[in-house]
Amino acid sequence: MQDVKKKKLTFYDWCLAAFFWGGPISLSAVISLLVPNDILTRDLARQWVEFVLQVAPKMLDVPVESEIPQVVKFYHATMLSSILIWAPALIFVSLNKLKGDCFDGRLIGRYKLWIIYEIFLGLLTFLISWCFFGFGYRYGKMASLWYSRESLFFSGFIPYMMLFVAFGVGFSKLVELFLFSKGVPWFRHDSTK
């Protein structure tokens, strides 16, 4: 059985990390600091927020304690829709990296178990995120993340990062497992070579 080789991070790896982790956090920071308090008085913004938040209608019921309810609704809509950018990109990059690892011979026979473990973590993360977005602010849960611009800036991105990781990593690992089970040639590793 071949050992997994340790690989140094390249400039490309650092750029990907900046895109996948810095991108959503930067978007969160810009929204929390720069969006005007009365953003939903604009018809286009209000219609867009109502359209996007149809997938999580409980997020429209911002707690009355929030200093910036319109910004919070706009924040939710923007961050939810940003998942459509980052999750597919993460799936593509992770499958491309897996393909490269297969060609370089860095995969071992027990890799299938690691994929199952990552799928489990992805599903668990998705379940936690689904509970948050499904139940909304009921019983005051997690409502402290949205009270002010400061709380939104420092912690508002957390559930969205969880959801982004759950979709991106979980789906890509399901695809990997499916391709392993079907014996797709570039996913097979022959240890006798």
Protein backbone atom coordinates (compact mmCIF):
# COMPACT_ATOMS: atom_id res chain seq x y z
CA MET A 1 0.00 0.00 0.00
CA GLN A 2 1.36 3.35 -1.01
CA ASP A 3 1.66 6.17 1.51
CA VAL A 4 -0.03 9.45 0.88
CA LYS A 5 2.64 11.95 -0.13
CA LYS A 6 2.68 15.27 1.65
CA LYS A 7 2.35 18.13 -0.78
CA LYS A 8 3.39 21.73 -0.21
CA LEU A 9 0.76 24.35 -0.83
CA THR A 10 1.24 26.19 -4.09
CA PHE A 11 0.33 29.74 -5.04
CA TYR A 12 -2.72 28.28 -6.80
CA ASP A 13 -3.80 26.59 -3.54
CA TRP A 14 -3.48 29.89 -1.66
CA CYS A 15 -5.53 31.68 -4.33
CA LEU A 16 -8.25 29.04 -4.05
CA ALA A 17 -8.29 29.38 -0.26
CA ALA A 18 -8.58 33.16 -0.57
CA PHE A 19 -11.46 32.77 -3.04
CA PHE A 20 -13.39 30.13 -1.13
CA TRP A 21 -12.90 31.46 2.40
CA GLY A 22 -12.16 35.12 1.84
CA GLY A 23 -14.86 35.62 -0.78
CA PRO A 24 -17.93 34.86 1.34
CA ILE A 25 -16.46 36.59 4.39
CA SER A 26 -15.61 39.69 2.33
CA LEU A 27 -19.09 39.76 0.82
CA SER A 28 -20.55 39.46 4.31
CA ALA A 29 -18.39 42.35 5.54
CA VAL A 30 -19.32 44.61 2.63
CA ILE A 31 -23.04 44.00 3.10
CA SER A 32 -22.94 44.42 6.86
CA LEU A 33 -21.01 47.69 6.69
CA LEU A 34 -22.10 49.42 3.47
CA VAL A 35 -25.76 48.59 2.78
CA PRO A 36 -28.05 51.48 3.78
CA ASN A 37 -30.56 50.93 6.60
CA ASP A 38 -33.53 51.55 4.28
CA ILE A 39 -32.43 49.23 1.46
CA LEU A 40 -35.86 47.60 1.15
CA THR A 41 -37.58 50.90 0.32
CA ARG A 42 -36.20 50.34 -3.19
CA ASP A 43 -38.64 48.21 -5.18
CA LEU A 44 -36.01 46.13 -6.98
CA ALA A 45 -34.20 45.24 -3.75
CA ARG A 46 -37.45 44.36 -1.96
CA GLN A 47 -38.68 42.14 -4.81
CA TRP A 48 -35.33 40.43 -5.05
CA VAL A 49 -35.21 39.74 -1.29
CA GLU A 50 -38.75 38.33 -1.30
CA PHE A 51 -37.93 36.14 -4.32
CA VAL A 52 -34.70 34.71 -2.86
CA LEU A 53 -36.06 34.19 0.65
CA GLN A 54 -38.89 32.01 -0.64
CA VAL A 55 -36.49 29.13 0.06
CA ALA A 56 -36.22 30.22 3.73
CA PRO A 57 -39.29 32.35 4.48
CA LYS A 58 -38.67 32.29 8.24
CA MET A 59 -35.66 34.54 7.63
CA LEU A 60 -38.03 37.36 6.67
CA ASP A 61 -39.20 37.51 10.30
CA VAL A 62 -36.27 39.42 11.76
CA PRO A 63 -36.45 39.79 15.56
CA VAL A 64 -37.84 43.14 16.69
CA GLU A 65 -34.69 43.72 18.74
CA SER A 66 -32.62 44.08 15.56
CA GLU A 67 -31.40 47.60 14.88
CA ILE A 68 -31.24 46.98 11.12
CA PRO A 69 -34.09 44.64 10.02
CA GLN A 70 -33.98 45.65 6.34
CA VAL A 71 -30.23 45.14 6.15
CA VAL A 72 -30.59 41.73 7.77
CA LYS A 73 -33.18 40.60 5.20
CA PHE A 74 -31.01 41.87 2.36
CA TYR A 75 -28.02 40.15 3.95
CA HIS A 76 -29.82 36.80 4.10
CA ALA A 77 -30.94 37.03 0.48
CA THR A 78 -27.50 37.98 -0.80
CA MET A 79 -25.62 35.36 1.19
CA LEU A 80 -28.06 32.58 0.23
CA SER A 81 -27.78 33.45 -3.45
CA SER A 82 -23.98 33.62 -3.22
CA ILE A 83 -23.98 29.89 -2.51
CA LEU A 84 -24.86 29.46 -6.19
CA ILE A 85 -21.44 30.92 -7.02
CA TRP A 86 -19.19 29.29 -4.45
CA ALA A 87 -20.66 25.79 -4.13
CA PRO A 88 -20.38 24.81 -7.83
CA ALA A 89 -16.89 26.29 -7.99
CA LEU A 90 -15.87 24.25 -4.93
CA ILE A 91 -17.32 21.08 -6.47
CA PHE A 92 -15.40 21.66 -9.70
CA VAL A 93 -12.11 22.41 -7.93
CA SER A 94 -12.36 19.45 -5.54
CA LEU A 95 -13.14 17.00 -8.36
CA ASN A 96 -10.31 18.45 -10.45
CA LYS A 97 -7.93 18.08 -7.48
CA LEU A 98 -9.08 14.50 -6.95
CA LYS A 99 -8.38 13.73 -10.58
CA GLY A 100 -4.87 15.17 -10.22
CA ASP A 101 -4.28 13.14 -7.06
CA CYS A 102 -5.32 9.98 -8.89
CA PHE A 103 -2.86 10.65 -11.71
CA ASP A 104 -0.08 11.38 -9.22
CA GLY A 105 -0.78 8.14 -7.33
CA ARG A 106 -1.56 9.83 -4.02
CA LEU A 107 -4.76 7.88 -3.32
CA ILE A 108 -4.81 4.72 -1.28
CA GLY A 109 -7.33 1.89 -0.94
CA ARG A 110 -8.87 3.24 2.26
CA TYR A 111 -9.73 6.51 0.56
CA LYS A 112 -13.33 5.33 0.07
CA LEU A 113 -13.81 5.28 3.85
CA TRP A 114 -12.47 8.85 4.07
CA ILE A 115 -15.02 9.92 1.44
CA ILE A 116 -17.83 8.35 3.47
CA TYR A 117 -16.59 10.17 6.58
CA GLU A 118 -16.56 13.49 4.70
CA ILE A 119 -20.07 12.84 3.34
CA PHE A 120 -21.23 12.24 6.90
CA LEU A 121 -19.69 15.53 8.04
CA GLY A 122 -21.20 17.32 5.05
CA LEU A 123 -24.66 15.93 5.80
CA LEU A 124 -24.32 16.86 9.48
CA THR A 125 -23.33 20.40 8.53
CA PHE A 126 -26.25 20.57 6.11
CA LEU A 127 -28.64 19.37 8.82
CA ILE A 128 -27.44 22.04 11.27
CA SER A 129 -27.75 24.73 8.59
CA TRP A 130 -31.17 23.46 7.52
CA CYS A 131 -32.37 23.62 11.13
CA PHE A 132 -31.15 27.20 11.40
CA PHE A 133 -32.75 28.36 8.16
CA GLY A 134 -35.85 26.19 8.60
CA PHE A 135 -36.66 27.38 12.09
CA GLY A 136 -35.45 30.93 11.60
CA TYR A 137 -35.32 33.00 14.76
CA ARG A 138 -37.83 30.91 16.68
CA TYR A 139 -37.29 30.99 20.45
CA GLY A 140 -34.46 33.49 20.03
CA LYS A 141 -32.04 30.88 18.65
CA MET A 142 -29.06 32.46 16.89
CA ALA A 143 -30.86 35.82 16.79
CA SER A 144 -27.89 37.51 18.44
CA LEU A 145 -26.01 37.13 15.13
CA TRP A 146 -28.26 39.75 13.54
CA TYR A 147 -28.87 42.44 16.20
CA SER A 148 -26.53 45.10 14.84
CA ARG A 149 -24.04 45.80 12.08
CA GLU A 150 -21.23 44.77 14.40
CA SER A 151 -22.75 41.37 15.20
CA LEU A 152 -23.56 40.87 11.52
CA PHE A 153 -19.98 41.77 10.58
CA PHE A 154 -18.30 39.48 13.12
CA SER A 155 -20.57 36.44 13.09
CA GLY A 156 -23.29 36.67 10.44
CA PHE A 157 -21.31 34.65 7.89
CA ILE A 158 -20.98 31.56 10.11
CA PRO A 159 -24.21 29.73 9.14
CA TYR A 160 -23.65 30.59 5.50
CA MET A 161 -20.12 29.22 5.53
CA MET A 162 -21.50 26.05 7.08
CA LEU A 163 -24.12 25.79 4.35
CA PHE A 164 -21.57 26.54 1.63
CA VAL A 165 -19.23 23.85 2.92
CA ALA A 166 -22.09 21.37 3.31
CA PHE A 167 -23.24 21.86 -0.29
CA GLY A 168 -19.81 22.07 -1.88
CA VAL A 169 -17.93 19.37 -0.02
CA GLY A 170 -20.87 17.06 0.59
CA PHE A 171 -21.97 17.02 -3.04
CA SER A 172 -18.46 16.64 -4.43
CA LYS A 173 -17.82 13.71 -2.09
CA LEU A 174 -21.06 12.05 -3.22
CA VAL A 175 -19.89 12.42 -6.80
CA GLU A 176 -16.50 10.94 -5.87
CA LEU A 177 -18.11 7.97 -4.17
CA PHE A 178 -20.41 7.40 -7.15
CA LEU A 179 -17.49 7.50 -9.58
CA PHE A 180 -15.46 5.14 -7.37
CA SER A 181 -18.35 2.69 -7.28
CA LYS A 182 -18.71 2.81 -11.07
CA GLY A 183 -15.00 2.27 -11.59
CA VAL A 184 -14.39 5.38 -13.63
CA PRO A 185 -10.83 4.87 -14.95
CA TRP A 186 -9.25 8.06 -13.64
CA PHE A 187 -10.59 7.31 -10.15
CA ARG A 188 -9.06 3.84 -9.97
CA HIS A 189 -5.68 3.35 -8.38
CA ASP A 190 -3.70 0.22 -9.07
CA SER A 191 -1.22 -0.28 -6.25
CA THR A 192 0.81 -2.81 -8.28
CA LYS A 193 2.18 -0.10 -10.62
